[in-house]
Amino acid sequence: MVGTLAAVSSQAARAADYPTKPIKLIVPFAPGGGNDAIARTLGRRLGDALGQPVVIENRAGAGGKLGVEAGVKADPDGYTLTLISNSYSVNPSLYPIKFDPVKDITPIGMIARGPLLISVPTSLPVNNLADLIQLAKTRKGGLTYASSGQGGISHLATELFQRAAGIEMTHVPYRGTAPALTDTVAGQTDLFFSTAGAAFPYMKNGRLKVVAETLPKRIQAEPSIPTVAEAGVPGYEVIVWYGLIAPKGLPADIQQRLNKEMNIALALPETVEQLKANGEEPAIGKPEQLMAQIQKELTLWKRVVTDAKIQVE
């Protein structure tokens, strides 16, 4: 009993002292994208709460694989964290990876979640999701859909949608969200499953129609947009999510401290409003919820990649 109390006391002291130096937050994508924006929003407020700066390090490459591998291999001392998103659960089905995506990490928690918006050009003769599905079934030559890249979340989400809706469309991959959205607005492609933050400006100025969103419930930022499930494809949902992990072996007391401070930072009104502007919301919760999301999507996206025979170069 004395030994147990001493261990608990030691852990509490270590958590209270942590951190004593700056924390590195690896973002496995280039500056300027959604992952980077989330990391900077969280990093600034988490640094304020912890009393040490959180330094963002962008390590792009292989759909996020390279940065994550660097983060997972770091010392498990709480001074190297990694931001992850849907690609973390997709990549094991697309690339050879050098770690176990479940066993080799310590989950800290979910950061935020948001939808993809099924966006179509104003010239497309549809007003809702049912119209879109009907057009895909009846138009000679079918419809084309843009994606932000082969094997990306917009690609896989659309493949999943095709199967759920019983349609088949032609994939047009782009190098990023911006060119995919630009060509969809111009009518060069018929639809694009876009992140909300990218699509909102075009939707609000009338240059793009949004027929549905992919969350299980309507988003607070634009509650007039129906979900895919309520618009005619029951059971369909895709969540765009962000999470925070550390290497395997992170002391439990530091894990708990990081989770607690992150949740406090996410609940701040200014954080909530900043996320809402991009159609996202804080995903306050426990580390176990992040791990459950990872495991669920590892299974889901492996099935989609296999069924659609998706490969990346």
C-alpha atoms as a PDB file:
ATOM      1  CA  MET A   1       0.000   0.000   0.000  1.00  0.00           C
ATOM      2  CA  VAL A   2       2.830   2.383   0.888  1.00  0.00           C
ATOM      3  CA  GLY A   3       4.553   1.581  -2.399  1.00  0.00           C
ATOM      4  CA  THR A   4       1.369   2.202  -4.360  1.00  0.00           C
ATOM      5  CA  LEU A   5       0.764   5.545  -2.666  1.00  0.00           C
ATOM      6  CA  ALA A   6       4.354   6.569  -3.340  1.00  0.00           C
ATOM      7  CA  ALA A   7       4.003   5.691  -7.024  1.00  0.00           C
ATOM      8  CA  VAL A   8       0.770   7.661  -7.329  1.00  0.00           C
ATOM      9  CA  SER A   9       2.358  10.622  -5.561  1.00  0.00           C
ATOM     10  CA  SER A  10       5.374  10.459  -7.893  1.00  0.00           C
ATOM     11  CA  GLN A  11       3.150  10.389 -10.979  1.00  0.00           C
ATOM     12  CA  ALA A  12       1.118  13.351  -9.737  1.00  0.00           C
ATOM     13  CA  ALA A  13       4.287  15.336  -9.133  1.00  0.00           C
ATOM     14  CA  ARG A  14       5.622  14.491 -12.599  1.00  0.00           C
ATOM     15  CA  ALA A  15       2.367  15.568 -14.261  1.00  0.00           C
ATOM     16  CA  ALA A  16       2.355  18.802 -12.259  1.00  0.00           C
ATOM     17  CA  ASP A  17       5.941  19.591 -13.300  1.00  0.00           C
ATOM     18  CA  TYR A  18       5.357  18.771 -16.963  1.00  0.00           C
ATOM     19  CA  PRO A  19       6.254  20.450 -19.252  1.00  0.00           C
ATOM     20  CA  THR A  20       9.597  22.064 -18.495  1.00  0.00           C
ATOM     21  CA  LYS A  21      10.518  22.889 -22.106  1.00  0.00           C
ATOM     22  CA  PRO A  22       8.796  23.561 -25.463  1.00  0.00           C
ATOM     23  CA  ILE A  23       6.640  20.815 -26.989  1.00  0.00           C
ATOM     24  CA  LYS A  24       6.950  19.847 -30.646  1.00  0.00           C
ATOM     25  CA  LEU A  25       3.709  19.197 -32.529  1.00  0.00           C
ATOM     26  CA  ILE A  26       4.282  17.386 -35.816  1.00  0.00           C
ATOM     27  CA  VAL A  27       1.804  18.135 -38.596  1.00  0.00           C
ATOM     28  CA  PRO A  28       2.241  15.517 -41.345  1.00  0.00           C
ATOM     29  CA  PHE A  29       1.123  17.918 -44.077  1.00  0.00           C
ATOM     30  CA  ALA A  30       2.379  21.162 -45.608  1.00  0.00           C
ATOM     31  CA  PRO A  31       1.562  24.560 -44.064  1.00  0.00           C
ATOM     32  CA  GLY A  32      -1.694  26.217 -45.052  1.00  0.00           C
ATOM     33  CA  GLY A  33      -4.118  23.291 -45.136  1.00  0.00           C
ATOM     34  CA  GLY A  34      -6.835  22.162 -42.756  1.00  0.00           C
ATOM     35  CA  ASN A  35      -4.525  20.007 -40.651  1.00  0.00           C
ATOM     36  CA  ASP A  36      -2.091  22.891 -40.237  1.00  0.00           C
ATOM     37  CA  ALA A  37      -4.849  25.331 -39.270  1.00  0.00           C
ATOM     38  CA  ILE A  38      -6.217  22.964 -36.622  1.00  0.00           C
ATOM     39  CA  ALA A  39      -2.728  22.382 -35.224  1.00  0.00           C
ATOM     40  CA  ARG A  40      -2.018  26.098 -34.908  1.00  0.00           C
ATOM     41  CA  THR A  41      -5.372  26.786 -33.272  1.00  0.00           C
ATOM     42  CA  LEU A  42      -4.830  24.015 -30.735  1.00  0.00           C
ATOM     43  CA  GLY A  43      -1.101  24.591 -30.288  1.00  0.00           C
ATOM     44  CA  ARG A  44      -1.485  28.235 -29.353  1.00  0.00           C
ATOM     45  CA  ARG A  45      -4.103  27.573 -26.687  1.00  0.00           C
ATOM     46  CA  LEU A  46      -2.542  24.369 -25.398  1.00  0.00           C
ATOM     47  CA  GLY A  47       0.759  26.191 -25.018  1.00  0.00           C
ATOM     48  CA  ASP A  48      -0.932  28.919 -22.992  1.00  0.00           C
ATOM     49  CA  ALA A  49      -2.499  26.309 -20.708  1.00  0.00           C
ATOM     50  CA  LEU A  50       0.722  24.341 -20.215  1.00  0.00           C
ATOM     51  CA  GLY A  51       3.009  27.342 -19.795  1.00  0.00           C
ATOM     52  CA  GLN A  52       5.375  26.259 -22.580  1.00  0.00           C
ATOM     53  CA  PRO A  53       5.251  27.020 -26.310  1.00  0.00           C
ATOM     54  CA  VAL A  54       3.935  24.364 -28.667  1.00  0.00           C
ATOM     55  CA  VAL A  55       6.132  24.515 -31.769  1.00  0.00           C
ATOM     56  CA  ILE A  56       4.552  23.359 -35.033  1.00  0.00           C
ATOM     57  CA  GLU A  57       6.760  21.231 -37.295  1.00  0.00           C
ATOM     58  CA  ASN A  58       5.341  20.460 -40.747  1.00  0.00           C
ATOM     59  CA  ARG A  59       6.582  17.155 -42.193  1.00  0.00           C
ATOM     60  CA  ALA A  60       4.694  16.497 -45.408  1.00  0.00           C
ATOM     61  CA  GLY A  61       4.913  13.462 -47.677  1.00  0.00           C
ATOM     62  CA  ALA A  62       3.163  10.240 -48.718  1.00  0.00           C
ATOM     63  CA  GLY A  63      -0.292  11.380 -47.668  1.00  0.00           C
ATOM     64  CA  GLY A  64       0.837  12.126 -44.123  1.00  0.00           C
ATOM     65  CA  LYS A  65       2.736   8.862 -43.632  1.00  0.00           C
ATOM     66  CA  LEU A  66       6.225  10.347 -43.241  1.00  0.00           C
ATOM     67  CA  GLY A  67       5.346  12.843 -40.528  1.00  0.00           C
ATOM     68  CA  VAL A  68       3.380  10.302 -38.523  1.00  0.00           C
ATOM     69  CA  GLU A  69       6.239   7.796 -38.670  1.00  0.00           C
ATOM     70  CA  ALA A  70       8.607  10.445 -37.302  1.00  0.00           C
ATOM     71  CA  GLY A  71       6.221  11.238 -34.464  1.00  0.00           C
ATOM     72  CA  VAL A  72       5.601   7.619 -33.524  1.00  0.00           C
ATOM     73  CA  LYS A  73       9.341   6.908 -33.313  1.00  0.00           C
ATOM     74  CA  ALA A  74      10.067   9.851 -30.976  1.00  0.00           C
ATOM     75  CA  ASP A  75      10.819   9.492 -27.268  1.00  0.00           C
ATOM     76  CA  PRO A  76       7.610   8.948 -25.246  1.00  0.00           C
ATOM     77  CA  ASP A  77       8.312  11.836 -22.897  1.00  0.00           C
ATOM     78  CA  GLY A  78       5.460  14.166 -23.842  1.00  0.00           C
ATOM     79  CA  TYR A  79       7.645  16.554 -25.818  1.00  0.00           C
ATOM     80  CA  THR A  80       6.746  15.217 -29.267  1.00  0.00           C
ATOM     81  CA  LEU A  81       3.079  15.039 -30.233  1.00  0.00           C
ATOM     82  CA  THR A  82       1.534  14.363 -33.635  1.00  0.00           C
ATOM     83  CA  LEU A  83      -1.659  15.654 -35.170  1.00  0.00           C
ATOM     84  CA  ILE A  84      -3.548  12.986 -37.106  1.00  0.00           C
ATOM     85  CA  SER A  85      -6.695  12.927 -39.213  1.00  0.00           C
ATOM     86  CA  ASN A  86      -8.612  10.514 -41.438  1.00  0.00           C
ATOM     87  CA  SER A  87      -5.492   9.775 -43.467  1.00  0.00           C
ATOM     88  CA  TYR A  88      -4.033   8.027 -40.421  1.00  0.00           C
ATOM     89  CA  SER A  89      -6.682   5.307 -40.775  1.00  0.00           C
ATOM     90  CA  VAL A  90      -6.512   5.252 -44.575  1.00  0.00           C
ATOM     91  CA  ASN A  91      -2.757   5.016 -45.127  1.00  0.00           C
ATOM     92  CA  PRO A  92      -2.230   1.453 -43.847  1.00  0.00           C
ATOM     93  CA  SER A  93      -4.443   0.287 -46.735  1.00  0.00           C
ATOM     94  CA  LEU A  94      -2.498   2.323 -49.311  1.00  0.00           C
ATOM     95  CA  TYR A  95       1.139   2.362 -48.227  1.00  0.00           C
ATOM     96  CA  PRO A  96       3.583   0.073 -46.443  1.00  0.00           C
ATOM     97  CA  ILE A  97       3.945   1.603 -42.974  1.00  0.00           C
ATOM     98  CA  LYS A  98       6.670   0.938 -40.421  1.00  0.00           C
ATOM     99  CA  PHE A  99       4.571   0.882 -37.260  1.00  0.00           C
ATOM    100  CA  ASP A 100       1.359  -0.559 -35.866  1.00  0.00           C
ATOM    101  CA  PRO A 101      -1.312   2.197 -36.018  1.00  0.00           C
ATOM    102  CA  VAL A 102      -3.000   0.875 -32.863  1.00  0.00           C
ATOM    103  CA  LYS A 103      -0.269  -0.656 -30.713  1.00  0.00           C
ATOM    104  CA  ASP A 104       2.516   1.877 -31.305  1.00  0.00           C
ATOM    105  CA  ILE A 105       0.750   5.042 -30.139  1.00  0.00           C
ATOM    106  CA  THR A 106      -0.675   6.663 -27.037  1.00  0.00           C
ATOM    107  CA  PRO A 107      -3.953   8.434 -27.874  1.00  0.00           C
ATOM    108  CA  ILE A 108      -4.400  11.871 -26.308  1.00  0.00           C
ATOM    109  CA  GLY A 109      -7.842  12.639 -27.695  1.00  0.00           C
ATOM    110  CA  MET A 110     -10.015  13.872 -30.522  1.00  0.00           C
ATOM    111  CA  ILE A 111      -9.615  17.541 -31.408  1.00  0.00           C
ATOM    112  CA  ALA A 112     -12.399  18.392 -33.837  1.00  0.00           C
ATOM    113  CA  ARG A 113     -14.862  16.889 -36.267  1.00  0.00           C
ATOM    114  CA  GLY A 114     -16.696  18.165 -39.312  1.00  0.00           C
ATOM    115  CA  PRO A 115     -18.447  17.048 -42.499  1.00  0.00           C
ATOM    116  CA  LEU A 116     -17.725  16.802 -46.155  1.00  0.00           C
ATOM    117  CA  LEU A 117     -20.206  18.788 -48.238  1.00  0.00           C
ATOM    118  CA  ILE A 118     -21.544  17.238 -51.444  1.00  0.00           C
ATOM    119  CA  SER A 119     -21.008  20.242 -53.669  1.00  0.00           C
ATOM    120  CA  VAL A 120     -22.197  20.668 -57.263  1.00  0.00           C
ATOM    121  CA  PRO A 121     -21.933  23.509 -59.800  1.00  0.00           C
ATOM    122  CA  THR A 122     -24.946  25.779 -60.082  1.00  0.00           C
ATOM    123  CA  SER A 123     -25.271  24.703 -63.719  1.00  0.00           C
ATOM    124  CA  LEU A 124     -26.015  21.084 -62.761  1.00  0.00           C
ATOM    125  CA  PRO A 125     -29.808  20.533 -62.944  1.00  0.00           C
ATOM    126  CA  VAL A 126     -30.266  19.176 -59.420  1.00  0.00           C
ATOM    127  CA  ASN A 127     -31.723  20.704 -56.261  1.00  0.00           C
ATOM    128  CA  ASN A 128     -31.212  17.912 -53.759  1.00  0.00           C
ATOM    129  CA  LEU A 129     -29.439  14.613 -53.223  1.00  0.00           C
ATOM    130  CA  ALA A 130     -32.270  12.543 -54.704  1.00  0.00           C
ATOM    131  CA  ASP A 131     -32.011  14.587 -57.920  1.00  0.00           C
ATOM    132  CA  LEU A 132     -28.260  14.008 -58.014  1.00  0.00           C
ATOM    133  CA  ILE A 133     -28.583  10.250 -57.596  1.00  0.00           C
ATOM    134  CA  GLN A 134     -31.289  10.092 -60.260  1.00  0.00           C
ATOM    135  CA  LEU A 135     -29.151  12.115 -62.683  1.00  0.00           C
ATOM    136  CA  ALA A 136     -26.183   9.815 -62.065  1.00  0.00           C
ATOM    137  CA  LYS A 137     -28.372   6.846 -62.978  1.00  0.00           C
ATOM    138  CA  THR A 138     -29.983   8.336 -66.080  1.00  0.00           C
ATOM    139  CA  ARG A 139     -27.538  10.728 -67.739  1.00  0.00           C
ATOM    140  CA  LYS A 140     -25.786   9.225 -70.751  1.00  0.00           C
ATOM    141  CA  GLY A 141     -22.118   8.914 -69.865  1.00  0.00           C
ATOM    142  CA  GLY A 142     -22.854   9.360 -66.169  1.00  0.00           C
ATOM    143  CA  LEU A 143     -21.379  11.977 -63.849  1.00  0.00           C
ATOM    144  CA  THR A 144     -17.823  12.893 -62.953  1.00  0.00           C
ATOM    145  CA  TYR A 145     -16.605  13.562 -59.436  1.00  0.00           C
ATOM    146  CA  ALA A 146     -13.538  15.462 -58.337  1.00  0.00           C
ATOM    147  CA  SER A 147     -11.316  14.515 -55.420  1.00  0.00           C
ATOM    148  CA  SER A 148      -8.435  16.229 -53.677  1.00  0.00           C
ATOM    149  CA  GLY A 149      -6.201  13.305 -54.647  1.00  0.00           C
ATOM    150  CA  GLN A 150      -6.046   9.585 -55.240  1.00  0.00           C
ATOM    151  CA  GLY A 151      -6.674   7.792 -51.950  1.00  0.00           C
ATOM    152  CA  GLY A 152      -7.629  10.954 -50.060  1.00  0.00           C
ATOM    153  CA  ILE A 153     -10.680  11.237 -47.834  1.00  0.00           C
ATOM    154  CA  SER A 154     -12.792  12.965 -50.520  1.00  0.00           C
ATOM    155  CA  HIS A 155     -12.000  10.107 -52.920  1.00  0.00           C
ATOM    156  CA  LEU A 156     -12.820   7.350 -50.437  1.00  0.00           C
ATOM    157  CA  ALA A 157     -15.933   9.097 -49.131  1.00  0.00           C
ATOM    158  CA  THR A 158     -17.287   9.348 -52.674  1.00  0.00           C
ATOM    159  CA  GLU A 159     -16.486   5.705 -53.397  1.00  0.00           C
ATOM    160  CA  LEU A 160     -18.361   4.744 -50.242  1.00  0.00           C
ATOM    161  CA  PHE A 161     -21.270   6.954 -51.316  1.00  0.00           C
ATOM    162  CA  GLN A 162     -21.437   5.368 -54.769  1.00  0.00           C
ATOM    163  CA  ARG A 163     -21.853   1.932 -53.270  1.00  0.00           C
ATOM    164  CA  ALA A 164     -24.431   3.087 -50.744  1.00  0.00           C
ATOM    165  CA  ALA A 165     -26.463   4.930 -53.397  1.00  0.00           C
ATOM    166  CA  GLY A 166     -26.158   2.269 -56.095  1.00  0.00           C
ATOM    167  CA  ILE A 167     -24.503   4.524 -58.677  1.00  0.00           C
ATOM    168  CA  GLU A 168     -21.226   4.645 -60.582  1.00  0.00           C
ATOM    169  CA  MET A 169     -19.364   7.825 -61.514  1.00  0.00           C
ATOM    170  CA  THR A 170     -16.029   8.696 -63.118  1.00  0.00           C
ATOM    171  CA  HIS A 171     -13.245   9.811 -60.781  1.00  0.00           C
ATOM    172  CA  VAL A 172     -11.187  12.907 -61.628  1.00  0.00           C
ATOM    173  CA  PRO A 173      -8.337  13.260 -59.083  1.00  0.00           C
ATOM    174  CA  TYR A 174      -6.708  16.642 -58.433  1.00  0.00           C
ATOM    175  CA  ARG A 175      -3.689  17.739 -56.438  1.00  0.00           C
ATOM    176  CA  GLY A 176      -5.472  19.281 -53.490  1.00  0.00           C
ATOM    177  CA  THR A 177      -8.831  20.715 -52.491  1.00  0.00           C
ATOM    178  CA  ALA A 178      -8.434  24.136 -54.127  1.00  0.00           C
ATOM    179  CA  PRO A 179      -8.135  22.996 -57.770  1.00  0.00           C
ATOM    180  CA  ALA A 180     -10.814  20.324 -57.304  1.00  0.00           C
ATOM    181  CA  LEU A 181     -13.237  22.893 -55.922  1.00  0.00           C
ATOM    182  CA  THR A 182     -12.352  25.500 -58.552  1.00  0.00           C
ATOM    183  CA  ASP A 183     -13.129  23.111 -61.402  1.00  0.00           C
ATOM    184  CA  THR A 184     -16.353  21.973 -59.736  1.00  0.00           C
ATOM    185  CA  VAL A 185     -17.517  25.581 -59.394  1.00  0.00           C
ATOM    186  CA  ALA A 186     -16.682  26.077 -63.086  1.00  0.00           C
ATOM    187  CA  GLY A 187     -18.655  22.983 -64.090  1.00  0.00           C
ATOM    188  CA  GLN A 188     -15.622  21.030 -65.272  1.00  0.00           C
ATOM    189  CA  THR A 189     -16.640  18.240 -62.888  1.00  0.00           C
ATOM    190  CA  ASP A 190     -20.115  17.424 -61.630  1.00  0.00           C
ATOM    191  CA  LEU A 191     -19.545  17.122 -57.898  1.00  0.00           C
ATOM    192  CA  PHE A 192     -16.966  17.225 -55.146  1.00  0.00           C
ATOM    193  CA  PHE A 193     -17.067  16.060 -51.547  1.00  0.00           C
ATOM    194  CA  SER A 194     -15.429  19.194 -50.157  1.00  0.00           C
ATOM    195  CA  THR A 195     -14.409  20.166 -46.665  1.00  0.00           C
ATOM    196  CA  ALA A 196     -16.868  22.670 -45.260  1.00  0.00           C
ATOM    197  CA  GLY A 197     -14.387  25.483 -44.764  1.00  0.00           C
ATOM    198  CA  ALA A 198     -13.372  25.379 -48.425  1.00  0.00           C
ATOM    199  CA  ALA A 199     -16.924  25.163 -49.805  1.00  0.00           C
ATOM    200  CA  PHE A 200     -18.670  27.698 -47.551  1.00  0.00           C
ATOM    201  CA  PRO A 201     -17.483  30.873 -49.360  1.00  0.00           C
ATOM    202  CA  TYR A 202     -18.644  29.568 -52.754  1.00  0.00           C
ATOM    203  CA  MET A 203     -21.933  28.351 -51.327  1.00  0.00           C
ATOM    204  CA  LYS A 204     -22.655  31.639 -49.580  1.00  0.00           C
ATOM    205  CA  ASN A 205     -22.007  33.756 -52.671  1.00  0.00           C
ATOM    206  CA  GLY A 206     -24.209  31.531 -54.823  1.00  0.00           C
ATOM    207  CA  ARG A 207     -21.485  29.990 -56.978  1.00  0.00           C
ATOM    208  CA  LEU A 208     -21.951  26.449 -55.647  1.00  0.00           C
ATOM    209  CA  LYS A 209     -24.863  24.286 -54.544  1.00  0.00           C
ATOM    210  CA  VAL A 210     -24.531  21.968 -51.547  1.00  0.00           C
ATOM    211  CA  VAL A 211     -27.050  19.129 -51.586  1.00  0.00           C
ATOM    212  CA  ALA A 212     -26.028  17.243 -48.432  1.00  0.00           C
ATOM    213  CA  GLU A 213     -23.396  16.834 -45.735  1.00  0.00           C
ATOM    214  CA  THR A 214     -21.847  13.642 -44.435  1.00  0.00           C
ATOM    215  CA  LEU A 215     -22.149  13.853 -40.638  1.00  0.00           C
ATOM    216  CA  PRO A 216     -24.831  11.813 -38.835  1.00  0.00           C
ATOM    217  CA  LYS A 217     -26.377  15.087 -37.566  1.00  0.00           C
ATOM    218  CA  ARG A 218     -26.739  18.504 -39.194  1.00  0.00           C
ATOM    219  CA  ILE A 219     -23.912  20.945 -38.543  1.00  0.00           C
ATOM    220  CA  GLN A 220     -24.549  23.981 -36.360  1.00  0.00           C
ATOM    221  CA  ALA A 221     -22.799  26.325 -38.777  1.00  0.00           C
ATOM    222  CA  GLU A 222     -25.300  25.573 -41.604  1.00  0.00           C
ATOM    223  CA  PRO A 223     -28.266  23.633 -40.182  1.00  0.00           C
ATOM    224  CA  SER A 224     -30.237  24.025 -43.427  1.00  0.00           C
ATOM    225  CA  ILE A 225     -28.003  21.436 -45.138  1.00  0.00           C
ATOM    226  CA  PRO A 226     -29.491  17.936 -44.783  1.00  0.00           C
ATOM    227  CA  THR A 227     -27.372  14.927 -43.938  1.00  0.00           C
ATOM    228  CA  VAL A 228     -26.813  12.265 -46.583  1.00  0.00           C
ATOM    229  CA  ALA A 229     -28.729   9.791 -44.432  1.00  0.00           C
ATOM    230  CA  GLU A 230     -31.841  11.952 -44.117  1.00  0.00           C
ATOM    231  CA  ALA A 231     -31.617  12.997 -47.779  1.00  0.00           C
ATOM    232  CA  GLY A 232     -32.070   9.458 -49.008  1.00  0.00           C
ATOM    233  CA  VAL A 233     -29.053   7.226 -48.284  1.00  0.00           C
ATOM    234  CA  PRO A 234     -29.695   5.709 -44.830  1.00  0.00           C
ATOM    235  CA  GLY A 235     -26.692   4.683 -42.782  1.00  0.00           C
ATOM    236  CA  TYR A 236     -24.161   6.721 -44.745  1.00  0.00           C
ATOM    237  CA  GLU A 237     -21.788   8.912 -42.758  1.00  0.00           C
ATOM    238  CA  VAL A 238     -18.225  10.151 -43.057  1.00  0.00           C
ATOM    239  CA  ILE A 239     -16.658  12.273 -40.341  1.00  0.00           C
ATOM    240  CA  VAL A 240     -13.690  14.506 -41.074  1.00  0.00           C
ATOM    241  CA  TRP A 241     -11.793  14.351 -37.800  1.00  0.00           C
ATOM    242  CA  TYR A 242      -8.553  15.451 -36.185  1.00  0.00           C
ATOM    243  CA  GLY A 243      -6.815  13.897 -33.200  1.00  0.00           C
ATOM    244  CA  LEU A 244      -3.678  14.113 -31.102  1.00  0.00           C
ATOM    245  CA  ILE A 245      -1.325  11.205 -30.391  1.00  0.00           C
ATOM    246  CA  ALA A 246       1.998  10.548 -28.690  1.00  0.00           C
ATOM    247  CA  PRO A 247       4.388   7.598 -29.013  1.00  0.00           C
ATOM    248  CA  LYS A 248       3.710   4.314 -27.251  1.00  0.00           C
ATOM    249  CA  GLY A 249       4.920   4.353 -23.659  1.00  0.00           C
ATOM    250  CA  LEU A 250       3.876   7.894 -22.726  1.00  0.00           C
ATOM    251  CA  PRO A 251       3.337   7.957 -18.943  1.00  0.00           C
ATOM    252  CA  ALA A 252      -0.362   7.795 -18.103  1.00  0.00           C
ATOM    253  CA  ASP A 253      -0.220  10.886 -15.918  1.00  0.00           C
ATOM    254  CA  ILE A 254       1.138  12.999 -18.786  1.00  0.00           C
ATOM    255  CA  GLN A 255      -1.453  11.509 -21.144  1.00  0.00           C
ATOM    256  CA  GLN A 256      -4.205  12.515 -18.720  1.00  0.00           C
ATOM    257  CA  ARG A 257      -2.763  15.997 -18.238  1.00  0.00           C
ATOM    258  CA  LEU A 258      -2.590  16.606 -21.984  1.00  0.00           C
ATOM    259  CA  ASN A 259      -6.120  15.310 -22.502  1.00  0.00           C
ATOM    260  CA  LYS A 260      -7.464  17.518 -19.721  1.00  0.00           C
ATOM    261  CA  GLU A 261      -5.744  20.703 -20.922  1.00  0.00           C
ATOM    262  CA  MET A 262      -6.667  20.019 -24.547  1.00  0.00           C
ATOM    263  CA  ASN A 263     -10.344  19.597 -23.667  1.00  0.00           C
ATOM    264  CA  ILE A 264     -10.294  22.847 -21.692  1.00  0.00           C
ATOM    265  CA  ALA A 265      -8.706  24.641 -24.661  1.00  0.00           C
ATOM    266  CA  LEU A 266     -11.279  23.195 -27.063  1.00  0.00           C
ATOM    267  CA  ALA A 267     -14.161  24.391 -24.878  1.00  0.00           C
ATOM    268  CA  LEU A 268     -13.035  28.039 -24.966  1.00  0.00           C
ATOM    269  CA  PRO A 269     -15.619  30.213 -26.781  1.00  0.00           C
ATOM    270  CA  GLU A 270     -13.000  31.582 -29.176  1.00  0.00           C
ATOM    271  CA  THR A 271     -11.952  28.035 -30.127  1.00  0.00           C
ATOM    272  CA  VAL A 272     -15.556  26.989 -30.663  1.00  0.00           C
ATOM    273  CA  GLU A 273     -16.236  29.998 -32.898  1.00  0.00           C
ATOM    274  CA  GLN A 274     -13.048  29.503 -34.900  1.00  0.00           C
ATOM    275  CA  LEU A 275     -13.935  25.878 -35.586  1.00  0.00           C
ATOM    276  CA  LYS A 276     -17.575  26.722 -36.350  1.00  0.00           C
ATOM    277  CA  ALA A 277     -16.485  29.135 -39.077  1.00  0.00           C
ATOM    278  CA  ASN A 278     -15.060  26.117 -40.909  1.00  0.00           C
ATOM    279  CA  GLY A 279     -18.086  23.921 -40.273  1.00  0.00           C
ATOM    280  CA  GLU A 280     -16.296  22.031 -37.503  1.00  0.00           C
ATOM    281  CA  GLU A 281     -16.935  21.513 -33.823  1.00  0.00           C
ATOM    282  CA  PRO A 282     -14.780  20.548 -30.835  1.00  0.00           C
ATOM    283  CA  ALA A 283     -14.572  16.806 -30.231  1.00  0.00           C
ATOM    284  CA  ILE A 284     -14.087  16.901 -26.471  1.00  0.00           C
ATOM    285  CA  GLY A 285     -13.652  13.454 -24.990  1.00  0.00           C
ATOM    286  CA  LYS A 286     -11.366  10.777 -23.615  1.00  0.00           C
ATOM    287  CA  PRO A 287      -8.344   9.105 -25.248  1.00  0.00           C
ATOM    288  CA  GLU A 288     -10.346   5.905 -25.680  1.00  0.00           C
ATOM    289  CA  GLN A 289     -12.742   7.673 -28.052  1.00  0.00           C
ATOM    290  CA  LEU A 290      -9.905   8.559 -30.414  1.00  0.00           C
ATOM    291  CA  MET A 291      -8.656   4.977 -30.374  1.00  0.00           C
ATOM    292  CA  ALA A 292     -12.158   3.696 -31.128  1.00  0.00           C
ATOM    293  CA  GLN A 293     -12.431   6.056 -34.117  1.00  0.00           C
ATOM    294  CA  ILE A 294      -9.066   4.893 -35.445  1.00  0.00           C
ATOM    295  CA  GLN A 295      -9.966   1.218 -35.148  1.00  0.00           C
ATOM    296  CA  LYS A 296     -13.390   1.711 -36.732  1.00  0.00           C
ATOM    297  CA  GLU A 297     -11.933   3.532 -39.725  1.00  0.00           C
ATOM    298  CA  LEU A 298      -9.022   1.142 -40.229  1.00  0.00           C
ATOM    299  CA  THR A 299     -11.632  -1.518 -40.954  1.00  0.00           C
ATOM    300  CA  LEU A 300     -13.934   0.740 -42.992  1.00  0.00           C
ATOM    301  CA  TRP A 301     -11.318   2.225 -45.311  1.00  0.00           C
ATOM    302  CA  LYS A 302      -9.559  -1.082 -45.863  1.00  0.00           C
ATOM    303  CA  ARG A 303     -12.837  -2.443 -47.196  1.00  0.00           C
ATOM    304  CA  VAL A 304     -13.417   0.597 -49.433  1.00  0.00           C
ATOM    305  CA  VAL A 305      -9.852   0.547 -50.792  1.00  0.00           C
ATOM    306  CA  THR A 306     -10.088  -3.184 -51.499  1.00  0.00           C
ATOM    307  CA  ASP A 307     -13.554  -3.077 -53.069  1.00  0.00           C
ATOM    308  CA  ALA A 308     -12.721  -0.080 -55.285  1.00  0.00           C
ATOM    309  CA  LYS A 309      -9.228  -1.426 -56.106  1.00  0.00           C
ATOM    310  CA  ILE A 310      -7.676   1.933 -55.173  1.00  0.00           C
ATOM    311  CA  GLN A 311      -3.916   2.254 -55.589  1.00  0.00           C
ATOM    312  CA  VAL A 312      -1.492   5.142 -55.194  1.00  0.00           C
ATOM    313  CA  GLU A 313       1.837   5.659 -56.897  1.00  0.00           C
END
